[in-house]
C-alpha atoms as a PDB file:
ATOM      1  CA  MET A   1     139.445 105.565 123.793  1.00  0.00           C
ATOM      2  CA  ASN A   2     139.761 104.425 127.028  1.00  0.00           C
ATOM      3  CA  LEU A   3     137.596 104.627 130.076  1.00  0.00           C
ATOM      4  CA  ASN A   4     138.650 105.173 133.853  1.00  0.00           C
ATOM      5  CA  LYS A   5     137.089 102.582 136.572  1.00  0.00           C
ATOM      6  CA  GLU A   6     134.597 105.507 137.036  1.00  0.00           C
ATOM      7  CA  GLN A   7     133.092 105.764 133.162  1.00  0.00           C
ATOM      8  CA  ALA A   8     133.045 101.854 132.732  1.00  0.00           C
ATOM      9  CA  VAL A   9     131.076 101.916 135.813  1.00  0.00           C
ATOM     10  CA  TYR A  10     128.605 104.990 134.579  1.00  0.00           C
ATOM     11  CA  CYS A  11     128.194 103.197 131.008  1.00  0.00           C
ATOM     12  CA  ALA A  12     127.414  99.609 132.504  1.00  0.00           C
ATOM     13  CA  ASN A  13     125.078 101.476 135.290  1.00  0.00           C
ATOM     14  CA  VAL A  14     123.208 102.837 132.075  1.00  0.00           C
ATOM     15  CA  PHE A  15     122.850 100.087 130.101  1.00  0.00           C
ATOM     16  CA  SER A  16     121.923  98.374 133.070  1.00  0.00           C
ATOM     17  CA  ASP A  17     119.148 101.020 133.834  1.00  0.00           C
ATOM     18  CA  TYR A  18     117.669 100.686 130.245  1.00  0.00           C
ATOM     19  CA  PHE A  19     117.201  96.833 130.456  1.00  0.00           C
ATOM     20  CA  ASP A  20     116.197  96.449 133.599  1.00  0.00           C
ATOM     21  CA  LYS A  21     112.788  98.294 132.799  1.00  0.00           C
ATOM     22  CA  PHE A  22     112.222  95.083 130.164  1.00  0.00           C
ATOM     23  CA  GLY A  23     111.224  91.739 132.452  1.00  0.00           C
ATOM     24  CA  ARG A  24     112.004  89.693 129.193  1.00  0.00           C
ATOM     25  CA  ILE A  25     113.652  89.799 126.268  1.00  0.00           C
ATOM     26  CA  ASP A  26     110.338  89.683 124.331  1.00  0.00           C
ATOM     27  CA  GLU A  27     109.147  92.146 125.823  1.00  0.00           C
ATOM     28  CA  TYR A  28     112.482  94.728 124.621  1.00  0.00           C
ATOM     29  CA  MET A  29     111.970  92.883 120.996  1.00  0.00           C
ATOM     30  CA  ARG A  30     108.493  94.235 121.073  1.00  0.00           C
ATOM     31  CA  GLU A  31     108.872  97.725 121.924  1.00  0.00           C
ATOM     32  CA  GLN A  32     111.727  97.495 119.427  1.00  0.00           C
ATOM     33  CA  LYS A  33     109.597  96.456 116.692  1.00  0.00           C
ATOM     34  CA  LEU A  34     106.974  99.212 117.966  1.00  0.00           C
ATOM     35  CA  ALA A  35     109.062 101.917 117.778  1.00  0.00           C
ATOM     36  CA  SER A  36     110.296 100.722 114.649  1.00  0.00           C
ATOM     37  CA  MET A  37     107.177 100.557 112.750  1.00  0.00           C
ATOM     38  CA  ALA A  38     106.070 104.448 114.079  1.00  0.00           C
ATOM     39  CA  GLU A  39     108.807 105.569 112.700  1.00  0.00           C
ATOM     40  CA  ARG A  40     107.544 104.321 109.188  1.00  0.00           C
ATOM     41  CA  SER A  41     105.393 107.223 106.983  1.00  0.00           C
ATOM     42  CA  PRO A  42     102.025 107.177 106.676  1.00  0.00           C
ATOM     43  CA  VAL A  43     100.423 106.248 102.954  1.00  0.00           C
ATOM     44  CA  LEU A  44      97.430 106.427 100.878  1.00  0.00           C
ATOM     45  CA  PHE A  45      95.952 102.432 101.433  1.00  0.00           C
ATOM     46  CA  GLY A  46      96.736 100.513  98.492  1.00  0.00           C
ATOM     47  CA  MET A  47      99.461 102.486  97.263  1.00  0.00           C
ATOM     48  CA  GLY A  48     102.156 101.235 100.388  1.00  0.00           C
ATOM     49  CA  PRO A  49     105.283  99.192 100.296  1.00  0.00           C
ATOM     50  CA  GLU A  50     103.317  96.183 101.370  1.00  0.00           C
ATOM     51  CA  GLU A  51     101.832  96.306  97.691  1.00  0.00           C
ATOM     52  CA  ASP A  52     105.024  95.467  96.322  1.00  0.00           C
ATOM     53  CA  LEU A  53     104.652  91.928  98.318  1.00  0.00           C
ATOM     54  CA  PHE A  54     103.153  88.829  96.875  1.00  0.00           C
ATOM     55  CA  SER A  55      99.704  88.421  98.352  1.00  0.00           C
ATOM     56  CA  ASP A  56      98.160  85.891  95.607  1.00  0.00           C
ATOM     57  CA  PHE A  57      98.780  82.407  96.802  1.00  0.00           C
ATOM     58  CA  THR A  58      95.896  80.996  94.316  1.00  0.00           C
ATOM     59  CA  MET A  59      98.296  81.543  91.690  1.00  0.00           C
ATOM     60  CA  SER A  60     100.004  78.325  90.347  1.00  0.00           C
ATOM     61  CA  PRO A  61     104.076  78.372  90.271  1.00  0.00           C
ATOM     62  CA  ALA A  62     103.502  77.726  86.596  1.00  0.00           C
ATOM     63  CA  ASP A  63     101.963  80.863  86.633  1.00  0.00           C
ATOM     64  CA  MET A  64     104.254  83.339  88.138  1.00  0.00           C
ATOM     65  CA  GLU A  65     106.647  85.282  86.220  1.00  0.00           C
ATOM     66  CA  PHE A  66     110.149  85.953  88.215  1.00  0.00           C
ATOM     67  CA  GLU A  67     112.104  88.757  87.455  1.00  0.00           C
ATOM     68  CA  LEU A  68     115.716  89.312  90.000  1.00  0.00           C
ATOM     69  CA  ILE A  69     116.324  93.049  90.868  1.00  0.00           C
ATOM     70  CA  GLU A  70     118.694  95.005  93.023  1.00  0.00           C
ATOM     71  CA  LEU A  71     117.200  96.746  95.415  1.00  0.00           C
ATOM     72  CA  PRO A  72     118.183 100.102  96.936  1.00  0.00           C
ATOM     73  CA  GLN A  73     118.651 100.092 100.751  1.00  0.00           C
ATOM     74  CA  ASP A  74     115.926 102.422 102.088  1.00  0.00           C
ATOM     75  CA  ARG A  75     113.265  99.538  99.854  1.00  0.00           C
ATOM     76  CA  TRP A  76     115.382  96.841 101.420  1.00  0.00           C
ATOM     77  CA  ASP A  77     115.418  98.023 104.941  1.00  0.00           C
ATOM     78  CA  THR A  78     111.701  99.114 104.289  1.00  0.00           C
ATOM     79  CA  TYR A  79     110.497  95.291 102.825  1.00  0.00           C
ATOM     80  CA  LEU A  80     112.606  93.500 105.849  1.00  0.00           C
ATOM     81  CA  ASN A  81     110.840  95.304 108.634  1.00  0.00           C
ATOM     82  CA  MET A  82     107.394  94.665 107.961  1.00  0.00           C
ATOM     83  CA  ILE A  83     108.137  90.908 107.075  1.00  0.00           C
ATOM     84  CA  SER A  84     110.289  90.068 109.815  1.00  0.00           C
ATOM     85  CA  SER A  85     109.268  89.722 113.571  1.00  0.00           C
ATOM     86  CA  HIS A  86     111.928  91.735 115.265  1.00  0.00           C
ATOM     87  CA  SER A  87     113.556  95.113 114.316  1.00  0.00           C
ATOM     88  CA  ASN A  88     116.063  95.073 111.903  1.00  0.00           C
ATOM     89  CA  MET A  89     119.336  97.805 112.329  1.00  0.00           C
ATOM     90  CA  THR A  90     119.920  99.565 109.030  1.00  0.00           C
ATOM     91  CA  SER A  91     123.354  98.865 107.689  1.00  0.00           C
ATOM     92  CA  ILE A  92     126.096 101.287 106.908  1.00  0.00           C
ATOM     93  CA  PRO A  93     126.135 101.769 103.399  1.00  0.00           C
ATOM     94  CA  GLY A  94     128.790 100.629 101.462  1.00  0.00           C
ATOM     95  CA  ARG A  95     129.644  97.524  99.672  1.00  0.00           C
ATOM     96  CA  CYS A  96     126.810  94.888  98.875  1.00  0.00           C
ATOM     97  CA  LEU A  97     124.082  94.026  97.159  1.00  0.00           C
ATOM     98  CA  ARG A  98     120.557  93.684  98.077  1.00  0.00           C
ATOM     99  CA  LEU A  99     118.368  90.889  95.236  1.00  0.00           C
ATOM    100  CA  ALA A 100     115.101  90.467  95.570  1.00  0.00           C
ATOM    101  CA  ILE A 101     112.749  88.307  93.398  1.00  0.00           C
ATOM    102  CA  LEU A 102     109.475  90.343  92.097  1.00  0.00           C
ATOM    103  CA  GLU A 103     106.589  87.913  90.787  1.00  0.00           C
END
């Protein structure tokens, strides 16, 4: 695909106009993170994916029982977006292996 000069300038202006509304990069990242969190479907308390995350920090490592599992892409994306400080783009489906360690 080739763009002529007018099309390239138009695309550059659209891009610039979008990012001009943010004074700093962290404002952009915050808006993206809030938008991704708003897209999560609501769940009943105690039944959401956050229940799968480790939360007993009083447990000794000697008492832990670990399990290595393969996660489907949708669960991987959900967990990654829950624990990361910024929004993450969903991977294009294909050959990849997403492993998680459960306790």
